[in-house]
Protein backbone atom coordinates (compact mmCIF):
# COMPACT_ATOMS: atom_id res chain seq x y z
CA MET A 1 -28.79 112.60 -58.96
CA LEU A 2 -26.97 112.18 -55.64
CA ILE A 3 -27.39 108.41 -55.79
CA GLU A 4 -25.84 108.36 -59.26
CA MET A 5 -22.89 110.39 -57.96
CA LEU A 6 -22.31 107.97 -55.08
CA ARG A 7 -22.18 104.83 -57.22
CA PHE A 8 -18.54 103.98 -57.15
CA THR A 9 -17.09 100.84 -58.58
CA LEU A 10 -13.79 99.40 -57.51
CA ARG A 11 -12.36 100.48 -60.85
CA THR A 12 -13.46 104.09 -60.23
CA VAL A 13 -11.94 104.11 -56.75
CA LEU A 14 -8.64 102.66 -57.99
CA ARG A 15 -8.52 105.12 -60.90
CA LEU A 16 -9.18 108.03 -58.53
CA ALA A 17 -6.45 106.77 -56.17
CA ALA A 18 -3.97 106.53 -59.06
CA ILE A 19 -4.83 110.06 -60.22
CA CYS A 20 -4.41 111.43 -56.70
CA ALA A 21 -1.12 109.59 -56.24
CA ALA A 22 0.30 110.87 -59.53
CA ALA A 23 -0.84 114.44 -58.79
CA THR A 24 0.72 114.18 -55.34
CA LEU A 25 4.02 113.01 -56.81
CA ALA A 26 3.94 115.91 -59.27
CA GLY A 27 3.29 118.31 -56.38
CA LEU A 28 6.17 116.80 -54.44
CA LEU A 29 8.47 117.21 -57.43
CA PHE A 30 7.50 120.87 -57.82
CA ASP A 31 7.99 121.36 -54.06
CA LEU A 32 11.48 119.84 -54.20
CA ILE A 33 12.55 122.20 -56.98
CA GLY A 34 11.16 125.17 -55.05
CA PHE A 35 8.37 126.13 -57.45
CA PRO A 36 5.74 128.56 -56.05
CA LEU A 37 2.40 126.91 -55.19
CA PRO A 38 3.91 123.49 -55.88
CA TRP A 39 0.91 121.35 -54.91
CA LEU A 40 -1.51 123.29 -57.08
CA VAL A 41 0.85 123.69 -60.04
CA GLY A 42 2.05 120.09 -59.82
CA ALA A 43 -1.49 118.71 -59.96
CA ILE A 44 -2.39 121.00 -62.86
CA PHE A 45 0.82 120.05 -64.67
CA PHE A 46 0.08 116.35 -64.19
CA ALA A 47 -3.49 116.77 -65.46
CA ALA A 48 -2.31 118.71 -68.53
CA ILE A 49 0.36 116.15 -69.45
CA ALA A 50 -1.92 113.17 -68.82
CA THR A 51 -4.73 114.70 -70.87
CA ASN A 52 -2.37 115.45 -73.75
CA LEU A 53 -1.24 111.81 -73.63
CA GLY A 54 -4.87 110.75 -74.01
CA LEU A 55 -5.42 109.55 -70.45
CA ASP A 56 -8.78 110.09 -68.77
CA VAL A 57 -8.13 112.09 -65.58
CA ARG A 58 -11.71 113.12 -64.89
CA VAL A 59 -12.82 112.53 -61.30
CA PRO A 60 -16.33 111.85 -59.95
CA LEU A 61 -18.45 114.97 -59.39
CA ILE A 62 -18.82 114.17 -55.69
CA THR A 63 -15.13 114.99 -55.19
CA ARG A 64 -15.56 118.62 -56.34
CA PRO A 65 -16.94 120.01 -53.04
CA ILE A 66 -14.21 118.17 -51.12
CA GLY A 67 -11.53 119.71 -53.33
CA GLN A 68 -13.07 123.17 -52.99
CA VAL A 69 -12.98 122.94 -49.20
CA LEU A 70 -9.36 121.80 -49.24
CA ILE A 71 -8.28 124.57 -51.60
CA ALA A 72 -10.23 127.22 -49.68
CA GLY A 73 -8.64 126.07 -46.44
CA SER A 74 -5.13 126.13 -47.82
CA VAL A 75 -5.63 129.57 -49.38
CA GLY A 76 -7.15 130.88 -46.15
CA LEU A 77 -4.21 129.61 -44.13
CA ALA A 78 -1.86 131.68 -46.28
CA PHE A 79 -3.29 134.92 -44.90
CA THR A 80 -2.17 136.29 -41.54
CA PRO A 81 -3.58 139.14 -39.44
CA LYS A 82 -0.41 141.19 -39.86
């Protein structure tokens, strides 16, 4: 199963890069307008709009643990000892 998850084609890599770039731009837009949790909401907003337009925004399963670590780290950094 792991070998199947690691089989990336150039098309898959380029599609993933385009999805990440669009989600980043959406996060930047939400950050510029001062929306709370702009990077999370922007990416979700992008995914919702793209899906409703019929675009395939699914990402390879191997990226899930990476995303979970990034989200956990950013949530953890929001807490302070005080």
